[in-house]
Structures are given as C-alpha cells and as structure tokens.
C-alpha cells in the first residue's frame, strides 16, 4: 500500500529473466578456458611435446626411485630378521665345526649368492683352510688351503679389510700380483670380509655371484663376520676352560675327576652294548728316590715325559689320565683283557727304553720303570669301584713281584685244603 520500490521474485525467476544471466555465465566459462588453453600454434605444439616428455621422464625417475626404495626396504627387512636369528643360533651350545655352516646359511639369505666360501685360520695363523662352501664344484674342502697374502682371500686375511669388487679393481692397479691367484681359479670373490679377534685373523668369508645387492652390502657382511668372530672366540675360550677343568696342567692328560666321569660313562655304554671295558693302572717305580736325588723340577719333567709317552703309545679312543701323584690310569674301551695286556706291555717297554734325565743316578738298574695292573669289565668287576680295586690289586702284585712288570687281575676259583679262594696273577714282563 505504501510508496516505494517493490521486487517481484516470481517475475525474476521467469525464463525470460534468467536468459541474460545464463549467457553471462557461459561467456565467463569460455573466457576461463581460453586462458588455460592458448591457441595452438606450431611453436606451442612443440613446447607441449617437450613438456610431456619432461613429465614422462620425471615419472620414470620417480618410479625408479620408488622401486629402489622398496627393494632396499626389502633387503633391510631380510637383514633385520636374519641377523638376530643368526646371533641366537651362534649363542646356543653349537659345536665349533657348525659355525661356518650357520654363517653360510645367513649369507645366502642376505645376498642370494651363487658361491659362498668360509675359511678358518690354521693353528699357526699363516694359512686358511676351507671349512664350508656353497657353489664350489668338484673340490674337496680339505684340499683348499690359501696362504695369507695370496689372492683376494689371502689379501683380506692379511690386511684385515672388508673389500668389494670395486675395491679389488682399484687395488689391482697398484697390487696386481698380490690379488691374483691362479691356483684357485674357481673362487669367485666379489665381496670379502675377515673374521678377527683383536689383531688375529680367525677366518675369511668370500661371496661371489650376488643376485641380491643391498646398498650397504659391505657393512652387512662385516656384521655377519663379526658375529662369526665372536662365536669362534667364545668357543675357543670355552674349550680352554673345559681343558683347564678336565685336564692335568702338568702332563696335559685327563685329570682324576674327569677320568672318573668318563669311566662311569664308558662302563654304562659297555653294559648296554655287551662289550668289554679294560682299565690299566700303573705308577712310576721308586719315584720318591728320583725326586729326592734329582729335585722336584726334574720330577715334574719326568711326569711330563710319561704323559707324552701315554699319548703317543695308546690309541686315540683310549683315555690316559693322571690319577694322582706318580700314579696313572688308562681307560681302554671295547678292549678285552688280552688286548689291554698287550697295550700295557707295549707302554711298559716304551718307558723302560726312554732315556729319562739323570735316571742312572737315582733308579735301581739305572732306568725309570713302571709297575701296573689290568682289570676288565665285566669279567673281573661289574661296577667302577670294583674295577678300580681289581686293577689296583694287580698293580701292587706287580710291585711285590719285583717291579717293572704289568699283571692282569685273574680271579681263579681254586680251593685249597681250607676251601679258600686264591688270586691268580698273570705276569706280562716278558710279553
């Protein structure tokens, strides 16, 4: 009703009214498209091709980088999963001879190599011997010996440096003769690492034909080699501790405590397998006179010589031991009484014929001699205590019979007029 300007929204929304607005919107969209897409001229077309090629190269580079990152991530994952497992296995009660096999298995997982060689140093520390191998055809590992400093493997052992193919190629320009080794032409050494303990080389790992090449392959192999070094060193220390606990420090043979353990084990084994087990016990005749005349240092030397003669005379399966003072014992598995007597007589003769220092001054007859006795399971005794008693009785019978002889315990159930049982002894001095 009042005066003023009034808008009729219904009129504004009619098709006729909306047409100018729609045209205006279409014009704006066309203008925007023209700005984004300039008129195609020959120059602009060429520029577009270049831009497309640049974008395509960038995409390829990105894809390549992504592939490398994914591959490196995979290699790193394998490394992180493999190394703790290797450490766990090496720290378990694994034998020393199995350490190279464990290292080789880990390296194969890391590098998927066509050839893996694990060398260990010899006791004198001047040569390497092949302990485990993969991909080495028709070559017995026992014959593969590499001197320190010869060829790629020997060079790494001598200089204690991790080397890869690039390092070897660079080094060959100045030390070509040192890196060449025609005697081991089948060795494919592309990656090589030493196993060390302080300044000592314990072994060398050689890898060739790597189908998987991690970015930090040298560091990875070095970590594997370091774990191998620690395992080898631990086993060496453990062996020394066991030897210190189980072996006599003066003579180098088994001590009494360990001998008693082995005697019990062997007797149980003989009982299960229904075989013989013989025990030879002896002591050095007139040893006190030898000590008093020549001094205790000379006496210790005589004991050392006796221990060495025991190791040289008896079999590897036999167990010589220092039983106490100048008394010794030898365990002879799977040996009947006759075989034990022959072995004991052979040793008695070896002692008699050996020239002990200053023996002519102190010993009757001028020679160091022994007296001993032999007893056999199950013929003479059924347990360790009785077996020792029987051998000991035979030993003292040998002493009472004139010394420098070995007697066998031989129970003979011969009744005299009173019906008592007498002990019959076989003297083997003349065997």
Protein backbone atom coordinates (compact mmCIF):
# COMPACT_ATOMS: atom_id res chain seq x y z
CA UNK A 1 0.00 0.00 0.00
CA UNK A 2 2.79 2.37 0.90
CA UNK A 3 5.02 4.10 -1.59
CA UNK A 4 8.49 2.70 -2.58
CA UNK A 5 10.13 0.15 -4.87
CA UNK A 6 8.81 -3.43 -4.82
CA UNK A 7 10.55 -6.58 -6.22
CA UNK A 8 8.54 -9.39 -7.63
CA UNK A 9 10.63 -12.54 -7.17
CA UNK A 10 8.30 -14.59 -9.27
CA UNK A 11 8.96 -12.28 -12.21
CA UNK A 12 12.72 -12.50 -11.72
CA UNK A 13 12.63 -16.30 -11.86
CA UNK A 14 10.84 -16.49 -15.21
CA UNK A 15 12.80 -18.00 -18.18
CA UNK A 16 12.95 -14.66 -19.91
CA UNK A 17 14.57 -13.10 -16.91
CA UNK A 18 17.11 -15.93 -16.43
CA UNK A 19 18.37 -15.95 -20.04
CA UNK A 20 20.75 -12.94 -19.72
CA UNK A 21 22.29 -14.46 -16.59
CA UNK A 22 22.88 -17.81 -18.30
CA UNK A 23 24.54 -16.13 -21.27
CA UNK A 24 26.76 -14.17 -18.96
CA UNK A 25 27.84 -17.37 -17.15
CA UNK A 26 28.65 -19.16 -20.42
CA UNK A 27 30.78 -16.23 -21.55
CA UNK A 28 32.76 -16.35 -18.30
CA UNK A 29 33.44 -20.10 -18.63
CA UNK A 30 34.60 -19.68 -22.26
CA UNK A 31 36.94 -16.88 -21.25
CA UNK A 32 38.46 -19.03 -18.48
CA UNK A 33 39.00 -21.99 -20.84
CA UNK A 34 40.69 -19.73 -23.38
CA UNK A 35 43.12 -18.54 -20.70
CA UNK A 36 44.06 -22.15 -19.75
CA UNK A 37 44.33 -23.36 -23.35
CA UNK A 38 46.06 -20.88 -25.58
CA UNK A 39 45.68 -21.05 -29.32
CA UNK A 40 47.67 -23.98 -30.69
CA UNK A 41 50.47 -22.71 -32.88
CA UNK A 42 53.34 -24.80 -34.27
CA UNK A 43 55.60 -23.41 -31.55
CA UNK A 44 53.09 -24.12 -28.83
CA UNK A 45 52.58 -27.68 -30.09
CA UNK A 46 56.35 -28.32 -29.97
CA UNK A 47 56.53 -26.88 -26.47
CA UNK A 48 53.70 -29.16 -25.39
CA UNK A 49 55.60 -32.21 -26.62
CA UNK A 50 58.67 -31.14 -24.64
CA UNK A 51 56.60 -30.59 -21.51
CA UNK A 52 55.07 -34.03 -21.91
CA UNK A 53 58.48 -35.64 -22.34
CA UNK A 54 59.79 -33.86 -19.25
CA UNK A 55 56.78 -35.03 -17.25
CA UNK A 56 57.27 -38.60 -18.55
CA UNK A 57 60.98 -38.56 -17.55
CA UNK A 58 60.09 -37.30 -14.09
CA UNK A 59 57.52 -40.06 -13.70
CA UNK A 60 60.03 -42.69 -14.76
CA UNK A 61 62.60 -41.30 -12.34
CA UNK A 62 60.07 -41.30 -9.55
CA UNK A 63 59.04 -44.86 -10.33
CA UNK A 64 62.68 -45.94 -10.43
CA UNK A 65 63.39 -44.24 -7.10
CA UNK A 66 60.29 -45.84 -5.60
CA UNK A 67 61.38 -49.28 -6.84
CA UNK A 68 64.86 -48.82 -5.40
CA UNK A 69 63.44 -47.71 -2.06
CA UNK A 70 61.07 -50.66 -1.95
CA UNK A 71 63.85 -53.07 -2.87
CA UNK A 72 66.21 -51.58 -0.28
CA UNK A 73 63.46 -51.77 2.31
CA UNK A 74 63.00 -55.45 1.47
CA UNK A 75 66.74 -56.10 1.79
CA UNK A 76 66.84 -54.26 5.10
CA UNK A 77 63.87 -56.25 6.38
CA UNK A 78 65.61 -59.52 5.45
CA UNK A 79 68.75 -58.33 7.22
CA UNK A 80 66.89 -57.32 10.37
CA UNK A 81 65.07 -60.65 10.51
CA UNK A 82 68.10 -62.80 9.67
CA UNK A 83 70.78 -61.31 11.90
CA UNK A 84 69.04 -61.80 15.30
CA UNK A 85 68.28 -65.40 14.35
CA UNK A 86 71.94 -65.98 13.48
CA UNK A 87 73.04 -64.45 16.79
CA UNK A 88 70.64 -66.70 18.70
CA UNK A 89 71.92 -69.83 16.96
CA UNK A 90 75.57 -68.89 17.47
CA UNK A 91 75.00 -68.20 21.16
CA UNK A 92 73.42 -71.60 21.71
CA UNK A 93 75.53 -74.64 22.55
CA UNK A 94 76.54 -75.17 18.94
CA UNK A 95 79.76 -77.03 18.12
CA UNK A 96 82.62 -75.06 16.60
CA UNK A 97 82.54 -77.08 13.38
CA UNK A 98 78.91 -75.99 12.79
CA UNK A 99 79.61 -72.25 12.98
CA UNK A 100 80.70 -71.94 9.31
CA UNK A 101 77.51 -73.69 8.16
CA UNK A 102 75.35 -71.25 10.14
CA UNK A 103 77.21 -68.25 8.70
CA UNK A 104 76.82 -69.61 5.18
CA UNK A 105 73.05 -70.03 5.63
CA UNK A 106 72.66 -66.44 6.81
CA UNK A 107 74.76 -65.06 3.94
CA UNK A 108 72.71 -67.00 1.42
CA UNK A 109 69.52 -65.38 2.71
CA UNK A 110 71.05 -61.91 2.57
CA UNK A 111 72.70 -61.99 -0.85
CA UNK A 112 71.23 -64.99 -2.71
CA UNK A 113 74.81 -65.71 -3.77
CA UNK A 114 75.91 -68.33 -6.27
CA UNK A 115 79.10 -69.02 -4.32
CA UNK A 116 79.93 -68.72 -0.61
CA UNK A 117 83.25 -69.79 0.92
CA UNK A 118 84.01 -69.84 4.66
CA UNK A 119 87.69 -70.18 5.57
CA UNK A 120 89.18 -70.68 9.05
CA UNK A 121 92.76 -69.94 10.05
CA UNK A 122 95.16 -72.76 10.90
CA UNK A 123 96.64 -73.00 14.40
CA UNK A 124 99.91 -71.35 13.33
CA UNK A 125 97.96 -68.45 11.78
CA UNK A 126 99.64 -68.38 8.38
CA UNK A 127 97.14 -70.25 6.20
CA UNK A 128 93.39 -70.54 5.69
CA UNK A 129 91.54 -73.84 5.20
CA UNK A 130 88.09 -74.17 3.66
CA UNK A 131 85.55 -75.05 6.36
CA UNK A 132 82.24 -74.66 4.46
CA UNK A 133 81.31 -73.92 0.85
CA UNK A 134 78.38 -73.37 -1.50
CA UNK A 135 78.73 -73.37 -5.28
CA UNK A 136 82.27 -74.76 -5.45
CA UNK A 137 82.20 -77.72 -7.87
CA UNK A 138 84.35 -80.84 -7.66
CA UNK A 139 86.72 -79.56 -4.98
CA UNK A 140 87.09 -81.33 -1.64
CA UNK A 141 87.12 -78.69 1.08
CA UNK A 142 90.04 -80.32 2.90
CA UNK A 143 92.39 -79.58 -0.02
CA UNK A 144 91.56 -75.89 -0.29
CA UNK A 145 94.37 -74.06 1.51
CA UNK A 146 95.07 -70.34 0.98
CA UNK A 147 98.25 -68.70 2.35
CA UNK A 148 97.87 -65.31 3.97
CA UNK A 149 98.57 -62.55 1.44
CA UNK A 150 97.93 -64.64 -1.70
CA UNK A 151 94.94 -63.85 -3.93
CA UNK A 152 91.93 -61.80 -2.93
CA UNK A 153 91.04 -64.04 0.01
CA UNK A 154 94.60 -64.18 1.34
CA UNK A 155 94.97 -60.42 0.88
CA UNK A 156 91.88 -59.76 3.01
CA UNK A 157 93.15 -62.20 5.67
CA UNK A 158 96.50 -60.42 5.83
CA UNK A 159 95.26 -56.81 5.72
CA UNK A 160 92.01 -57.43 7.68
CA UNK A 161 89.89 -55.14 5.47
CA UNK A 162 86.39 -55.67 4.01
CA UNK A 163 86.59 -55.48 0.21
CA UNK A 164 84.10 -55.47 -2.67
CA UNK A 165 84.60 -55.74 -6.43
CA UNK A 166 85.24 -52.01 -6.83
CA UNK A 167 87.85 -52.11 -4.07
CA UNK A 168 89.60 -55.09 -5.65
CA UNK A 169 89.58 -53.41 -9.08
CA UNK A 170 91.05 -50.23 -7.66
CA UNK A 171 93.64 -52.11 -5.60
CA UNK A 172 94.71 -54.31 -8.52
CA UNK A 173 96.10 -51.25 -10.31
CA UNK A 174 98.78 -50.95 -7.65
CA UNK A 175 98.99 -54.52 -6.26
CA UNK A 176 98.05 -56.70 -9.19
CA UNK A 177 100.41 -59.54 -8.31
CA UNK A 178 99.14 -59.81 -4.73
CA UNK A 179 95.49 -60.17 -5.77
CA UNK A 180 95.99 -62.79 -8.49
CA UNK A 181 95.91 -66.48 -7.55
CA UNK A 182 95.86 -68.87 -10.47
CA UNK A 183 95.81 -71.94 -8.20
CA UNK A 184 92.28 -71.07 -7.04
CA UNK A 185 90.66 -70.04 -10.30
CA UNK A 186 87.24 -71.36 -9.22
CA UNK A 187 86.97 -68.83 -6.40
CA UNK A 188 84.52 -66.02 -7.30
CA UNK A 189 85.41 -63.39 -4.74
CA UNK A 190 83.29 -60.26 -5.30
CA UNK A 191 82.70 -59.44 -1.64
CA UNK A 192 85.08 -60.48 1.12
CA UNK A 193 85.31 -59.87 4.88
CA UNK A 194 87.75 -61.05 7.58
CA UNK A 195 86.76 -62.59 10.90
CA UNK A 196 89.04 -61.11 13.54
CA UNK A 197 89.81 -61.21 17.25
CA UNK A 198 91.91 -58.19 18.17
CA UNK A 199 94.86 -58.39 15.74
CA UNK A 200 94.40 -62.08 14.93
CA UNK A 201 92.59 -63.27 11.79
CA UNK A 202 90.29 -66.16 12.69
CA UNK A 203 88.90 -66.67 9.19
CA UNK A 204 87.60 -65.09 5.98
CA UNK A 205 84.20 -65.02 4.27
CA UNK A 206 84.17 -64.87 0.45
CA UNK A 207 80.96 -64.23 -1.54
CA UNK A 208 80.55 -64.36 -5.34
CA UNK A 209 77.72 -64.16 -7.87
CA UNK A 210 75.47 -61.97 -5.73
CA UNK A 211 71.93 -61.96 -7.12
CA UNK A 212 70.75 -59.59 -4.40
CA UNK A 213 72.80 -56.42 -3.92
CA UNK A 214 71.84 -54.42 -0.82
CA UNK A 215 73.03 -50.84 -0.71
CA UNK A 216 75.18 -51.45 2.40
CA UNK A 217 76.39 -54.92 1.42
CA UNK A 218 79.90 -54.38 2.82
CA UNK A 219 78.59 -53.33 6.22
CA UNK A 220 76.11 -56.22 6.25
CA UNK A 221 78.79 -58.81 5.51
CA UNK A 222 81.07 -57.22 8.10
CA UNK A 223 78.37 -57.59 10.77
CA UNK A 224 77.93 -61.27 9.87
CA UNK A 225 81.71 -61.74 10.02
CA UNK A 226 81.84 -60.00 13.40
CA UNK A 227 79.19 -62.36 14.79
CA UNK A 228 81.19 -65.28 13.43
CA UNK A 229 84.35 -63.92 15.07
CA UNK A 230 82.63 -63.62 18.45
CA UNK A 231 81.24 -67.16 18.18
CA UNK A 232 84.63 -68.64 17.24
CA UNK A 233 86.36 -66.77 20.03
CA UNK A 234 83.76 -67.86 22.60
CA UNK A 235 84.13 -71.50 21.58
CA UNK A 236 87.91 -71.25 21.87
CA UNK A 237 87.65 -69.74 25.35
CA UNK A 238 85.10 -72.37 26.37
CA UNK A 239 87.38 -75.15 25.14
CA UNK A 240 90.27 -73.71 27.14
CA UNK A 241 88.11 -73.52 30.26
CA UNK A 242 86.98 -77.12 29.78
CA UNK A 243 90.57 -78.24 29.28
CA UNK A 244 91.60 -76.37 32.40
CA UNK A 245 88.84 -78.09 34.38
CA UNK A 246 89.21 -81.56 32.86
CA UNK A 247 92.93 -81.90 32.14
CA UNK A 248 96.01 -82.07 34.31
CA UNK A 249 98.05 -78.91 33.90
CA UNK A 250 101.41 -80.65 34.22
CA UNK A 251 101.04 -83.71 31.99
CA UNK A 252 98.32 -82.47 29.60
CA UNK A 253 96.20 -85.61 30.05
CA UNK A 254 92.82 -86.10 31.73
CA UNK A 255 92.68 -85.43 35.49
CA UNK A 256 91.18 -87.83 38.03
CA UNK A 257 87.81 -86.08 38.37
CA UNK A 258 87.10 -86.11 34.65
CA UNK A 259 88.50 -89.62 34.33
CA UNK A 260 86.00 -90.93 36.89
CA UNK A 261 83.15 -89.34 34.90
CA UNK A 262 84.38 -90.92 31.68
CA UNK A 263 84.87 -94.29 33.37
CA UNK A 264 81.25 -94.28 34.55
CA UNK A 265 80.02 -93.30 31.07
CA UNK A 266 82.09 -95.93 29.28
CA UNK A 267 81.10 -98.68 31.70
CA UNK A 268 77.42 -97.89 31.18
CA UNK A 269 77.98 -97.92 27.41
CA UNK A 270 79.83 -101.26 27.60
CA UNK A 271 77.00 -102.72 29.64
CA UNK A 272 74.36 -101.59 27.13
CA UNK A 273 76.35 -102.82 24.13
CA UNK A 274 77.61 -106.00 25.83
CA UNK A 275 81.26 -105.16 25.12
CA UNK A 276 84.46 -105.22 27.16
CA UNK A 277 86.00 -102.30 29.00
CA UNK A 278 89.53 -102.59 30.36
CA UNK A 279 91.37 -100.47 32.92
CA UNK A 280 95.16 -100.21 33.15
CA UNK A 281 96.62 -98.60 36.27
CA UNK A 282 100.32 -98.04 36.97
CA UNK A 283 102.78 -95.90 38.86
CA UNK A 284 106.45 -95.00 38.42
CA UNK A 285 108.80 -97.26 40.36
CA UNK A 286 110.96 -95.59 43.04
CA UNK A 287 109.68 -92.14 42.05
CA UNK A 288 110.43 -90.70 45.52
CA UNK A 289 114.08 -91.60 45.07
CA UNK A 290 114.08 -89.92 41.65
CA UNK A 291 112.58 -86.75 43.19
CA UNK A 292 114.93 -86.69 46.17
CA UNK A 293 118.03 -87.22 44.04
CA UNK A 294 117.26 -85.00 41.06
CA UNK A 295 114.92 -82.40 42.59
CA UNK A 296 111.22 -81.68 42.16
CA UNK A 297 111.68 -79.85 38.86
CA UNK A 298 113.27 -82.96 37.39
CA UNK A 299 110.44 -85.00 38.90
CA UNK A 300 107.86 -82.77 37.19
CA UNK A 301 109.71 -83.20 33.91
CA UNK A 302 109.61 -86.99 34.33
CA UNK A 303 105.84 -86.80 34.83
CA UNK A 304 105.50 -84.68 31.67
CA UNK A 305 107.52 -87.20 29.68
CA UNK A 306 105.31 -90.03 30.97
CA UNK A 307 102.19 -88.15 29.92
CA UNK A 308 103.62 -87.61 26.45
CA UNK A 309 104.52 -91.29 26.11
CA UNK A 310 100.96 -92.19 27.08
CA UNK A 311 99.52 -90.00 24.34
CA UNK A 312 101.95 -91.39 21.78
CA UNK A 313 101.55 -95.06 22.69
CA UNK A 314 97.83 -95.57 23.16
CA UNK A 315 95.00 -95.20 20.64
CA UNK A 316 93.00 -92.02 20.13
CA UNK A 317 89.94 -93.75 21.62
CA UNK A 318 91.81 -94.69 24.80
CA UNK A 319 91.74 -92.27 27.74
CA UNK A 320 95.02 -91.79 29.67
CA UNK A 321 94.75 -89.90 32.95
CA UNK A 322 96.86 -88.73 35.85
CA UNK A 323 95.22 -90.50 38.77
CA UNK A 324 97.30 -88.81 41.48
CA UNK A 325 100.97 -88.08 42.18
CA UNK A 326 103.03 -90.54 40.14
CA UNK A 327 100.06 -92.87 39.59
CA UNK A 328 98.33 -93.04 36.20
CA UNK A 329 95.37 -94.83 34.65
CA UNK A 330 94.29 -95.66 31.11
CA UNK A 331 90.76 -96.48 30.02
CA UNK A 332 90.55 -98.84 27.03
CA UNK A 333 87.01 -99.01 25.55
CA UNK A 334 85.93 -102.07 23.54
CA UNK A 335 89.11 -103.88 24.59
CA UNK A 336 89.25 -107.33 26.20
CA UNK A 337 91.88 -108.33 28.74
CA UNK A 338 94.28 -109.80 26.24
CA UNK A 339 94.24 -106.64 24.10
CA UNK A 340 94.68 -104.46 27.19
CA UNK A 341 97.65 -106.54 28.38
CA UNK A 342 99.37 -106.23 25.02
CA UNK A 343 98.88 -102.43 25.02
CA UNK A 344 100.07 -102.15 28.63
CA UNK A 345 103.18 -104.25 27.94
CA UNK A 346 103.98 -102.05 24.93
CA UNK A 347 103.82 -98.95 27.10
CA UNK A 348 105.94 -100.55 29.87
CA UNK A 349 108.63 -101.23 27.29
CA UNK A 350 108.40 -97.67 25.90
CA UNK A 351 109.03 -96.23 29.39
CA UNK A 352 111.92 -98.58 30.04
CA UNK A 353 113.60 -97.71 26.75
CA UNK A 354 113.14 -93.94 27.08
CA UNK A 355 116.11 -92.01 28.43
CA UNK A 356 114.75 -90.03 31.39
CA UNK A 357 117.10 -87.26 32.57
CA UNK A 358 119.57 -88.41 35.25
CA UNK A 359 117.81 -91.75 35.69
CA UNK A 360 121.12 -93.56 36.14
CA UNK A 361 121.84 -91.61 39.35
CA UNK A 362 118.66 -92.47 41.23
CA UNK A 363 116.97 -95.55 39.82
CA UNK A 364 117.85 -99.19 40.57
CA UNK A 365 119.26 -100.61 37.38
CA UNK A 366 119.76 -97.06 36.09
CA UNK A 367 116.36 -96.93 34.34
CA UNK A 368 112.95 -95.38 35.09
CA UNK A 369 110.35 -98.18 35.06
CA UNK A 370 106.70 -98.72 35.87
CA UNK A 371 104.56 -101.37 37.56
CA UNK A 372 100.95 -101.80 36.57
CA UNK A 373 97.80 -103.89 36.69
CA UNK A 374 94.92 -104.58 34.30
CA UNK A 375 91.28 -105.47 35.06
CA UNK A 376 88.38 -105.90 32.63
CA UNK A 377 84.61 -105.37 32.78
CA UNK A 378 82.51 -107.49 33.04
CA UNK A 379 84.90 -110.40 33.60
CA UNK A 380 86.54 -109.03 36.77
CA UNK A 381 84.04 -106.47 38.09
CA UNK A 382 80.53 -105.15 37.44
CA UNK A 383 80.96 -101.52 38.56
CA UNK A 384 83.56 -98.75 38.56
CA UNK A 385 84.58 -99.12 42.20
CA UNK A 386 85.30 -102.83 41.93
CA UNK A 387 87.05 -102.41 38.59
CA UNK A 388 89.47 -99.90 40.12
CA UNK A 389 90.05 -102.19 43.12
CA UNK A 390 90.87 -105.14 40.86
CA UNK A 391 93.32 -103.15 38.72
CA UNK A 392 94.91 -101.70 41.88
CA UNK A 393 95.37 -105.17 43.39
CA UNK A 394 97.08 -106.35 40.21
CA UNK A 395 99.32 -103.25 40.27
CA UNK A 396 100.58 -103.92 43.79
CA UNK A 397 101.07 -107.57 42.99
CA UNK A 398 103.35 -106.40 40.19
CA UNK A 399 105.33 -104.27 42.65
CA UNK A 400 105.64 -107.16 45.09
CA UNK A 401 106.81 -109.36 42.23
CA UNK A 402 109.86 -107.23 41.56
CA UNK A 403 108.56 -104.10 39.73
CA UNK A 404 108.98 -103.22 36.04
CA UNK A 405 106.09 -105.50 35.14
CA UNK A 406 102.34 -105.47 34.39
CA UNK A 407 100.00 -108.03 35.95
CA UNK A 408 96.46 -108.95 34.99
CA UNK A 409 93.81 -109.44 37.63
CA UNK A 410 92.66 -113.03 37.06
CA UNK A 411 90.27 -114.50 39.62
CA UNK A 412 90.72 -118.24 39.67
CA UNK A 413 88.38 -120.08 41.92
CA UNK A 414 90.82 -122.74 43.10
CA UNK A 415 90.06 -124.16 46.53
CA UNK A 416 92.97 -125.12 48.73
CA UNK A 417 92.76 -127.54 51.62
CA UNK A 418 90.85 -124.95 53.69
CA UNK A 419 88.48 -124.17 50.84
CA UNK A 420 89.68 -120.56 50.46
CA UNK A 421 89.80 -118.73 47.11
CA UNK A 422 93.21 -117.71 45.77
CA UNK A 423 94.04 -114.91 43.36
CA UNK A 424 95.93 -115.93 40.26
CA UNK A 425 98.01 -113.24 38.51
CA UNK A 426 99.49 -113.25 35.01
CA UNK A 427 102.92 -111.58 34.79
CA UNK A 428 103.44 -109.88 31.42
CA UNK A 429 107.00 -108.66 31.82
CA UNK A 430 108.12 -110.97 29.04
CA UNK A 431 105.31 -110.18 26.58
